[in-house]
Amino acid sequence: FDEEARRIRGIDPGLPIPASQFERLIAACGDLDRE
């Protein structure tokens, strides 16, 4: 997961959400079993 998260960050300039929100989304996916 950590490697995927590192690599996927390259798309954040093309997303319709702010980078900070994208970071929260990545963090939520990393803790998916706790959601």
PDB file of all heavy atoms in Angstrom:
ATOM      1  N   PHE A   1       0.822  -1.208   0.000  1.00  0.00           N
ATOM      2  CA  PHE A   1       0.000   0.000   0.000  1.00  0.00           C
ATOM      3  C   PHE A   1       0.859   1.262   0.000  1.00  0.00           C
ATOM      4  O   PHE A   1       0.565   2.223  -0.718  1.00  0.00           O
ATOM      5  CB  PHE A   1      -0.962   0.019   1.195  1.00  0.00           C
ATOM      6  CG  PHE A   1      -1.828   1.245   1.199  1.00  0.00           C
ATOM      7  CD1 PHE A   1      -2.969   1.287   0.406  1.00  0.00           C
ATOM      8  CD2 PHE A   1      -1.489   2.347   1.955  1.00  0.00           C
ATOM      9  CE1 PHE A   1      -3.753   2.429   0.368  1.00  0.00           C
ATOM     10  CE2 PHE A   1      -2.271   3.494   1.924  1.00  0.00           C
ATOM     11  CZ  PHE A   1      -3.409   3.542   1.128  1.00  0.00           C
ATOM     12  N   ASP A   2       1.915   1.289   0.784  1.00  0.00           N
ATOM     13  CA  ASP A   2       2.751   2.488   0.865  1.00  0.00           C
ATOM     14  C   ASP A   2       3.377   2.838  -0.484  1.00  0.00           C
ATOM     15  O   ASP A   2       3.449   4.011  -0.857  1.00  0.00           O
ATOM     16  CB  ASP A   2       3.843   2.318   1.922  1.00  0.00           C
ATOM     17  CG  ASP A   2       3.284   2.262   3.328  1.00  0.00           C
ATOM     18  OD1 ASP A   2       2.178   2.805   3.559  1.00  0.00           O
ATOM     19  OD2 ASP A   2       3.952   1.684   4.212  1.00  0.00           O
ATOM     20  N   GLU A   3       3.810   1.824  -1.225  1.00  0.00           N
ATOM     21  CA  GLU A   3       4.389   2.080  -2.545  1.00  0.00           C
ATOM     22  C   GLU A   3       3.327   2.576  -3.524  1.00  0.00           C
ATOM     23  O   GLU A   3       3.574   3.497  -4.310  1.00  0.00           O
ATOM     24  CB  GLU A   3       5.080   0.829  -3.089  1.00  0.00           C
ATOM     25  CG  GLU A   3       5.713   1.002  -4.438  1.00  0.00           C
ATOM     26  CD  GLU A   3       6.848   2.019  -4.496  1.00  0.00           C
ATOM     27  OE1 GLU A   3       7.337   2.477  -3.449  1.00  0.00           O
ATOM     28  OE2 GLU A   3       7.257   2.364  -5.623  1.00  0.00           O
ATOM     29  N   GLU A   4       2.146   1.987  -3.487  1.00  0.00           N
ATOM     30  CA  GLU A   4       1.057   2.457  -4.345  1.00  0.00           C
ATOM     31  C   GLU A   4       0.705   3.903  -4.011  1.00  0.00           C
ATOM     32  O   GLU A   4       0.537   4.734  -4.913  1.00  0.00           O
ATOM     33  CB  GLU A   4      -0.183   1.570  -4.189  1.00  0.00           C
ATOM     34  CG  GLU A   4      -1.387   2.050  -4.962  1.00  0.00           C
ATOM     35  CD  GLU A   4      -1.201   2.037  -6.471  1.00  0.00           C
ATOM     36  OE1 GLU A   4      -0.397   1.250  -6.986  1.00  0.00           O
ATOM     37  OE2 GLU A   4      -1.873   2.841  -7.146  1.00  0.00           O
ATOM     38  N   ALA A   5       0.614   4.218  -2.721  1.00  0.00           N
ATOM     39  CA  ALA A   5       0.293   5.584  -2.304  1.00  0.00           C
ATOM     40  C   ALA A   5       1.367   6.561  -2.783  1.00  0.00           C
ATOM     41  O   ALA A   5       1.055   7.669  -3.230  1.00  0.00           O
ATOM     42  CB  ALA A   5       0.138   5.648  -0.782  1.00  0.00           C
ATOM     43  N   ARG A   6       2.625   6.172  -2.706  1.00  0.00           N
ATOM     44  CA  ARG A   6       3.722   7.035  -3.162  1.00  0.00           C
ATOM     45  C   ARG A   6       3.588   7.307  -4.664  1.00  0.00           C
ATOM     46  O   ARG A   6       3.694   8.434  -5.118  1.00  0.00           O
ATOM     47  CB  ARG A   6       5.068   6.388  -2.863  1.00  0.00           C
ATOM     48  CG  ARG A   6       6.272   7.255  -3.257  1.00  0.00           C
ATOM     49  CD  ARG A   6       7.586   6.509  -3.079  1.00  0.00           C
ATOM     50  NE  ARG A   6       7.800   5.499  -4.087  1.00  0.00           N
ATOM     51  CZ  ARG A   6       8.194   5.758  -5.360  1.00  0.00           C
ATOM     52  NH1 ARG A   6       8.377   6.989  -5.764  1.00  0.00           N
ATOM     53  NH2 ARG A   6       8.382   4.763  -6.209  1.00  0.00           N
ATOM     54  N   ARG A   7       3.324   6.264  -5.424  1.00  0.00           N
ATOM     55  CA  ARG A   7       3.262   6.399  -6.881  1.00  0.00           C
ATOM     56  C   ARG A   7       2.017   7.146  -7.361  1.00  0.00           C
ATOM     57  O   ARG A   7       2.076   7.891  -8.334  1.00  0.00           O
ATOM     58  CB  ARG A   7       3.319   5.023  -7.533  1.00  0.00           C
ATOM     59  CG  ARG A   7       4.696   4.396  -7.428  1.00  0.00           C
ATOM     60  CD  ARG A   7       4.680   2.972  -7.956  1.00  0.00           C
ATOM     61  NE  ARG A   7       5.972   2.357  -7.888  1.00  0.00           N
ATOM     62  CZ  ARG A   7       6.810   2.249  -8.927  1.00  0.00           C
ATOM     63  NH1 ARG A   7       6.485   2.715 -10.101  1.00  0.00           N
ATOM     64  NH2 ARG A   7       7.979   1.665  -8.770  1.00  0.00           N
ATOM     65  N   ILE A   8       0.887   6.954  -6.698  1.00  0.00           N
ATOM     66  CA  ILE A   8      -0.365   7.548  -7.162  1.00  0.00           C
ATOM     67  C   ILE A   8      -0.411   9.053  -6.923  1.00  0.00           C
ATOM     68  O   ILE A   8      -1.166   9.774  -7.563  1.00  0.00           O
ATOM     69  CB  ILE A   8      -1.591   6.835  -6.507  1.00  0.00           C
ATOM     70  CG1 ILE A   8      -2.880   7.127  -7.267  1.00  0.00           C
ATOM     71  CG2 ILE A   8      -1.750   7.251  -5.046  1.00  0.00           C
ATOM     72  CD1 ILE A   8      -2.973   6.473  -8.599  1.00  0.00           C
ATOM     73  N   ARG A   9       0.431   9.556  -6.058  1.00  0.00           N
ATOM     74  CA  ARG A   9       0.428  10.995  -5.763  1.00  0.00           C
ATOM     75  C   ARG A   9       0.726  11.845  -6.996  1.00  0.00           C
ATOM     76  O   ARG A   9       0.405  13.025  -7.026  1.00  0.00           O
ATOM     77  CB  ARG A   9       1.395  11.301  -4.639  1.00  0.00           C
ATOM     78  CG  ARG A   9       0.839  10.912  -3.286  1.00  0.00           C
ATOM     79  CD  ARG A   9       1.766  11.278  -2.136  1.00  0.00           C
ATOM     80  NE  ARG A   9       1.102  11.044  -0.870  1.00  0.00           N
ATOM     81  CZ  ARG A   9       1.184   9.912  -0.184  1.00  0.00           C
ATOM     82  NH1 ARG A   9       1.900   8.894  -0.647  1.00  0.00           N
ATOM     83  NH2 ARG A   9       0.556   9.785   0.969  1.00  0.00           N
ATOM     84  N   GLY A  10       1.299  11.259  -8.034  1.00  0.00           N
ATOM     85  CA  GLY A  10       1.580  12.005  -9.251  1.00  0.00           C
ATOM     86  C   GLY A  10       0.347  12.479  -9.995  1.00  0.00           C
ATOM     87  O   GLY A  10       0.439  13.331 -10.884  1.00  0.00           O
ATOM     88  N   ILE A  11      -0.822  11.956  -9.646  1.00  0.00           N
ATOM     89  CA  ILE A  11      -2.043  12.379 -10.341  1.00  0.00           C
ATOM     90  C   ILE A  11      -2.736  13.548  -9.660  1.00  0.00           C
ATOM     91  O   ILE A  11      -3.667  14.118 -10.225  1.00  0.00           O
ATOM     92  CB  ILE A  11      -3.056  11.216 -10.512  1.00  0.00           C
ATOM     93  CG1 ILE A  11      -3.655  10.796  -9.169  1.00  0.00           C
ATOM     94  CG2 ILE A  11      -2.426  10.050 -11.241  1.00  0.00           C
ATOM     95  CD1 ILE A  11      -4.895   9.942  -9.294  1.00  0.00           C
ATOM     96  N   ASP A  12      -2.295  13.940  -8.475  1.00  0.00           N
ATOM     97  CA  ASP A  12      -3.058  14.959  -7.743  1.00  0.00           C
ATOM     98  C   ASP A  12      -3.229  16.289  -8.478  1.00  0.00           C
ATOM     99  O   ASP A  12      -4.254  16.930  -8.323  1.00  0.00           O
ATOM    100  CB  ASP A  12      -2.577  15.124  -6.298  1.00  0.00           C
ATOM    101  CG  ASP A  12      -1.190  15.703  -6.151  1.00  0.00           C
ATOM    102  OD1 ASP A  12      -0.548  16.008  -7.167  1.00  0.00           O
ATOM    103  OD2 ASP A  12      -0.744  15.846  -5.005  1.00  0.00           O
ATOM    104  N   PRO A  13      -2.299  16.728  -9.337  1.00  0.00           N
ATOM    105  CA  PRO A  13      -2.581  17.980 -10.066  1.00  0.00           C
ATOM    106  C   PRO A  13      -3.775  17.870 -11.021  1.00  0.00           C
ATOM    107  O   PRO A  13      -4.364  18.888 -11.385  1.00  0.00           O
ATOM    108  CB  PRO A  13      -1.295  18.231 -10.872  1.00  0.00           C
ATOM    109  CG  PRO A  13      -0.243  17.425 -10.206  1.00  0.00           C
ATOM    110  CD  PRO A  13      -0.943  16.238  -9.619  1.00  0.00           C
ATOM    111  N   GLY A  14      -4.146  16.669 -11.424  1.00  0.00           N
ATOM    112  CA  GLY A  14      -5.250  16.501 -12.362  1.00  0.00           C
ATOM    113  C   GLY A  14      -6.575  16.166 -11.711  1.00  0.00           C
ATOM    114  O   GLY A  14      -7.563  15.936 -12.405  1.00  0.00           O
ATOM    115  N   LEU A  15      -6.601  16.128 -10.394  1.00  0.00           N
ATOM    116  CA  LEU A  15      -7.836  15.766  -9.699  1.00  0.00           C
ATOM    117  C   LEU A  15      -8.726  16.978  -9.440  1.00  0.00           C
ATOM    118  O   LEU A  15      -8.222  18.089  -9.245  1.00  0.00           O
ATOM    119  CB  LEU A  15      -7.500  15.090  -8.360  1.00  0.00           C
ATOM    120  CG  LEU A  15      -6.794  13.743  -8.454  1.00  0.00           C
ATOM    121  CD1 LEU A  15      -6.406  13.254  -7.069  1.00  0.00           C
ATOM    122  CD2 LEU A  15      -7.673  12.726  -9.154  1.00  0.00           C
ATOM    123  N   PRO A  16     -10.035  16.770  -9.388  1.00  0.00           N
ATOM    124  CA  PRO A  16     -10.951  17.885  -9.115  1.00  0.00           C
ATOM    125  C   PRO A  16     -11.095  18.180  -7.620  1.00  0.00           C
ATOM    126  O   PRO A  16     -11.946  18.962  -7.225  1.00  0.00           O
ATOM    127  CB  PRO A  16     -12.277  17.391  -9.711  1.00  0.00           C
ATOM    128  CG  PRO A  16     -12.205  15.908  -9.565  1.00  0.00           C
ATOM    129  CD  PRO A  16     -10.747  15.554  -9.763  1.00  0.00           C
ATOM    130  N   ILE A  17     -10.276  17.540  -6.802  1.00  0.00           N
ATOM    131  CA  ILE A  17     -10.296  17.794  -5.359  1.00  0.00           C
ATOM    132  C   ILE A  17      -8.922  18.337  -4.947  1.00  0.00           C
ATOM    133  O   ILE A  17      -7.925  18.069  -5.613  1.00  0.00           O
ATOM    134  CB  ILE A  17     -10.651  16.527  -4.548  1.00  0.00           C
ATOM    135  CG1 ILE A  17      -9.634  15.402  -4.796  1.00  0.00           C
ATOM    136  CG2 ILE A  17     -12.073  16.068  -4.868  1.00  0.00           C
ATOM    137  CD1 ILE A  17      -9.821  14.169  -3.932  1.00  0.00           C
ATOM    138  N   PRO A  18      -8.863  19.095  -3.854  1.00  0.00           N
ATOM    139  CA  PRO A  18      -7.577  19.629  -3.402  1.00  0.00           C
ATOM    140  C   PRO A  18      -6.613  18.504  -2.979  1.00  0.00           C
ATOM    141  O   PRO A  18      -7.042  17.420  -2.562  1.00  0.00           O
ATOM    142  CB  PRO A  18      -7.931  20.490  -2.189  1.00  0.00           C
ATOM    143  CG  PRO A  18      -9.410  20.653  -2.205  1.00  0.00           C
ATOM    144  CD  PRO A  18      -9.978  19.540  -3.031  1.00  0.00           C
ATOM    145  N   ALA A  19      -5.330  18.789  -3.074  1.00  0.00           N
ATOM    146  CA  ALA A  19      -4.304  17.808  -2.707  1.00  0.00           C
ATOM    147  C   ALA A  19      -4.473  17.344  -1.266  1.00  0.00           C
ATOM    148  O   ALA A  19      -4.285  16.165  -0.959  1.00  0.00           O
ATOM    149  CB  ALA A  19      -2.910  18.390  -2.928  1.00  0.00           C
ATOM    150  N   SER A  20      -4.857  18.250  -0.371  1.00  0.00           N
ATOM    151  CA  SER A  20      -5.035  17.873   1.037  1.00  0.00           C
ATOM    152  C   SER A  20      -6.172  16.858   1.192  1.00  0.00           C
ATOM    153  O   SER A  20      -6.085  15.927   1.997  1.00  0.00           O
ATOM    154  CB  SER A  20      -5.301  19.109   1.900  1.00  0.00           C
ATOM    155  OG  SER A  20      -6.471  19.774   1.445  1.00  0.00           O
ATOM    156  N   GLN A  21      -7.225  17.007   0.421  1.00  0.00           N
ATOM    157  CA  GLN A  21      -8.342  16.055   0.454  1.00  0.00           C
ATOM    158  C   GLN A  21      -7.898  14.708  -0.116  1.00  0.00           C
ATOM    159  O   GLN A  21      -8.274  13.656   0.395  1.00  0.00           O
ATOM    160  CB  GLN A  21      -9.531  16.618  -0.324  1.00  0.00           C
ATOM    161  CG  GLN A  21     -10.777  15.763  -0.257  1.00  0.00           C
ATOM    162  CD  GLN A  21     -11.953  16.428  -0.960  1.00  0.00           C
ATOM    163  OE1 GLN A  21     -11.998  17.643  -1.146  1.00  0.00           O
ATOM    164  NE2 GLN A  21     -12.915  15.619  -1.365  1.00  0.00           N
ATOM    165  N   PHE A  22      -7.095  14.742  -1.168  1.00  0.00           N
ATOM    166  CA  PHE A  22      -6.560  13.511  -1.747  1.00  0.00           C
ATOM    167  C   PHE A  22      -5.697  12.785  -0.721  1.00  0.00           C
ATOM    168  O   PHE A  22      -5.767  11.562  -0.591  1.00  0.00           O
ATOM    169  CB  PHE A  22      -5.770  13.837  -3.016  1.00  0.00           C
ATOM    170  CG  PHE A  22      -5.282  12.624  -3.766  1.00  0.00           C
ATOM    171  CD1 PHE A  22      -6.136  11.577  -4.096  1.00  0.00           C
ATOM    172  CD2 PHE A  22      -3.959  12.541  -4.175  1.00  0.00           C
ATOM    173  CE1 PHE A  22      -5.685  10.469  -4.797  1.00  0.00           C
ATOM    174  CE2 PHE A  22      -3.499  11.442  -4.881  1.00  0.00           C
ATOM    175  CZ  PHE A  22      -4.354  10.405  -5.192  1.00  0.00           C
ATOM    176  N   GLU A  23      -4.905  13.520   0.051  1.00  0.00           N
ATOM    177  CA  GLU A  23      -4.080  12.914   1.098  1.00  0.00           C
ATOM    178  C   GLU A  23      -4.957  12.254   2.162  1.00  0.00           C
ATOM    179  O   GLU A  23      -4.642  11.169   2.658  1.00  0.00           O
ATOM    180  CB  GLU A  23      -3.146  13.951   1.736  1.00  0.00           C
ATOM    181  CG  GLU A  23      -1.984  14.348   0.874  1.00  0.00           C
ATOM    182  CD  GLU A  23      -1.060  13.187   0.519  1.00  0.00           C
ATOM    183  OE1 GLU A  23      -0.813  12.311   1.374  1.00  0.00           O
ATOM    184  OE2 GLU A  23      -0.594  13.139  -0.631  1.00  0.00           O
ATOM    185  N   ARG A  24      -6.069  12.905   2.519  1.00  0.00           N
ATOM    186  CA  ARG A  24      -6.994  12.305   3.492  1.00  0.00           C
ATOM    187  C   ARG A  24      -7.630  11.039   2.918  1.00  0.00           C
ATOM    188  O   ARG A  24      -7.843  10.062   3.644  1.00  0.00           O
ATOM    189  CB  ARG A  24      -8.052  13.316   3.931  1.00  0.00           C
ATOM    190  CG  ARG A  24      -7.480  14.437   4.796  1.00  0.00           C
ATOM    191  CD  ARG A  24      -8.542  15.257   5.523  1.00  0.00           C
ATOM    192  NE  ARG A  24      -9.579  15.798   4.678  1.00  0.00           N
ATOM    193  CZ  ARG A  24      -9.491  16.933   3.969  1.00  0.00           C
ATOM    194  NH1 ARG A  24      -8.405  17.652   4.008  1.00  0.00           N
ATOM    195  NH2 ARG A  24     -10.510  17.347   3.241  1.00  0.00           N
ATOM    196  N   LEU A  25      -7.922  11.049   1.615  1.00  0.00           N
ATOM    197  CA  LEU A  25      -8.486   9.861   0.955  1.00  0.00           C
ATOM    198  C   LEU A  25      -7.483   8.708   0.994  1.00  0.00           C
ATOM    199  O   LEU A  25      -7.847   7.572   1.316  1.00  0.00           O
ATOM    200  CB  LEU A  25      -8.871  10.190  -0.489  1.00  0.00           C
ATOM    201  CG  LEU A  25      -9.403   9.035  -1.333  1.00  0.00           C
ATOM    202  CD1 LEU A  25     -10.668   8.448  -0.718  1.00  0.00           C
ATOM    203  CD2 LEU A  25      -9.670   9.513  -2.751  1.00  0.00           C
ATOM    204  N   ILE A  26      -6.230   9.000   0.707  1.00  0.00           N
ATOM    205  CA  ILE A  26      -5.187   7.964   0.771  1.00  0.00           C
ATOM    206  C   ILE A  26      -5.074   7.417   2.188  1.00  0.00           C
ATOM    207  O   ILE A  26      -5.018   6.198   2.395  1.00  0.00           O
ATOM    208  CB  ILE A  26      -3.833   8.523   0.273  1.00  0.00           C
ATOM    209  CG1 ILE A  26      -3.896   8.788  -1.232  1.00  0.00           C
ATOM    210  CG2 ILE A  26      -2.690   7.563   0.614  1.00  0.00           C
ATOM    211  CD1 ILE A  26      -2.686   9.540  -1.778  1.00  0.00           C
ATOM    212  N   ALA A  27      -5.083   8.304   3.163  1.00  0.00           N
ATOM    213  CA  ALA A  27      -4.987   7.870   4.565  1.00  0.00           C
ATOM    214  C   ALA A  27      -6.187   7.004   4.949  1.00  0.00           C
ATOM    215  O   ALA A  27      -6.031   5.978   5.628  1.00  0.00           O
ATOM    216  CB  ALA A  27      -4.879   9.083   5.482  1.00  0.00           C
ATOM    217  N   ALA A  28      -7.380   7.395   4.509  1.00  0.00           N
ATOM    218  CA  ALA A  28      -8.587   6.614   4.814  1.00  0.00           C
ATOM    219  C   ALA A  28      -8.498   5.226   4.173  1.00  0.00           C
ATOM    220  O   ALA A  28      -8.888   4.226   4.792  1.00  0.00           O
ATOM    221  CB  ALA A  28      -9.839   7.351   4.347  1.00  0.00           C
ATOM    222  N   CYS A  29      -7.979   5.153   2.962  1.00  0.00           N
ATOM    223  CA  CYS A  29      -7.819   3.849   2.309  1.00  0.00           C
ATOM    224  C   CYS A  29      -6.813   2.991   3.065  1.00  0.00           C
ATOM    225  O   CYS A  29      -6.981   1.774   3.173  1.00  0.00           O
ATOM    226  CB  CYS A  29      -7.366   4.028   0.856  1.00  0.00           C
ATOM    227  SG  CYS A  29      -8.657   4.677  -0.214  1.00  0.00           S
ATOM    228  N   GLY A  30      -5.782   3.626   3.593  1.00  0.00           N
ATOM    229  CA  GLY A  30      -4.784   2.891   4.371  1.00  0.00           C
ATOM    230  C   GLY A  30      -5.338   2.329   5.670  1.00  0.00           C
ATOM    231  O   GLY A  30      -4.825   1.342   6.192  1.00  0.00           O
ATOM    232  N   ASP A  31      -6.374   2.977   6.187  1.00  0.00           N
ATOM    233  CA  ASP A  31      -7.009   2.524   7.433  1.00  0.00           C
ATOM    234  C   ASP A  31      -8.409   1.980   7.160  1.00  0.00           C
ATOM    235  O   ASP A  31      -9.296   2.062   8.002  1.00  0.00           O
ATOM    236  CB  ASP A  31      -7.103   3.688   8.428  1.00  0.00           C
ATOM    237  CG  ASP A  31      -5.763   4.061   9.013  1.00  0.00           C
ATOM    238  OD1 ASP A  31      -4.894   3.168   9.132  1.00  0.00           O
ATOM    239  OD2 ASP A  31      -5.573   5.248   9.347  1.00  0.00           O
ATOM    240  N   LEU A  32      -8.598   1.410   5.996  1.00  0.00           N
ATOM    241  CA  LEU A  32      -9.915   0.965   5.568  1.00  0.00           C
ATOM    242  C   LEU A  32     -10.562  -0.009   6.542  1.00  0.00           C
ATOM    243  O   LEU A  32     -11.772   0.039   6.768  1.00  0.00           O
ATOM    244  CB  LEU A  32      -9.803   0.312   4.185  1.00  0.00           C
ATOM    245  CG  LEU A  32     -11.063   0.181   3.370  1.00  0.00           C
ATOM    246  CD1 LEU A  32     -11.773   1.512   3.210  1.00  0.00           C
ATOM    247  CD2 LEU A  32     -10.740  -0.396   2.011  1.00  0.00           C
ATOM    248  N   ASP A  33      -9.767  -0.863   7.148  1.00  0.00           N
ATOM    249  CA  ASP A  33     -10.346  -1.830   8.088  1.00  0.00           C
ATOM    250  C   ASP A  33     -10.884  -1.160   9.352  1.00  0.00           C
ATOM    251  O   ASP A  33     -11.641  -1.770  10.097  1.00  0.00           O
ATOM    252  CB  ASP A  33      -9.330  -2.919   8.437  1.00  0.00           C
ATOM    253  CG  ASP A  33      -8.019  -2.368   8.969  1.00  0.00           C
ATOM    254  OD1 ASP A  33      -7.726  -1.181   8.751  1.00  0.00           O
ATOM    255  OD2 ASP A  33      -7.281  -3.143   9.605  1.00  0.00           O
ATOM    256  N   ARG A  34     -10.539   0.099   9.571  1.00  0.00           N
ATOM    257  CA  ARG A  34     -11.035   0.820  10.744  1.00  0.00           C
ATOM    258  C   ARG A  34     -12.198   1.761  10.420  1.00  0.00           C
ATOM    259  O   ARG A  34     -12.767   2.366  11.314  1.00  0.00           O
ATOM    260  CB  ARG A  34      -9.895   1.617  11.372  1.00  0.00           C
ATOM    261  CG  ARG A  34      -8.824   0.711  11.939  1.00  0.00           C
ATOM    262  CD  ARG A  34      -7.774   1.507  12.721  1.00  0.00           C
ATOM    263  NE  ARG A  34      -6.597   0.673  12.885  1.00  0.00           N
ATOM    264  CZ  ARG A  34      -5.418   0.911  12.325  1.00  0.00           C
ATOM    265  NH1 ARG A  34      -5.233   1.980  11.594  1.00  0.00           N
ATOM    266  NH2 ARG A  34      -4.411   0.110  12.511  1.00  0.00           N
ATOM    267  N   GLU A  35     -12.498   1.913   9.135  1.00  0.00           N
ATOM    268  CA  GLU A  35     -13.605   2.790   8.729  1.00  0.00           C
ATOM    269  C   GLU A  35     -14.933   2.096   9.016  1.00  0.00           C
ATOM    270  O   GLU A  35     -15.156   0.992   8.530  1.00  0.00           O
ATOM    271  CB  GLU A  35     -13.504   3.132   7.239  1.00  0.00           C
ATOM    272  CG  GLU A  35     -12.395   4.087   6.885  1.00  0.00           C
ATOM    273  CD  GLU A  35     -12.599   5.484   7.443  1.00  0.00           C
ATOM    274  OE1 GLU A  35     -13.752   5.921   7.622  1.00  0.00           O
ATOM    275  OE2 GLU A  35     -11.579   6.134   7.728  1.00  0.00           O
TER     276      GLU A  35
END
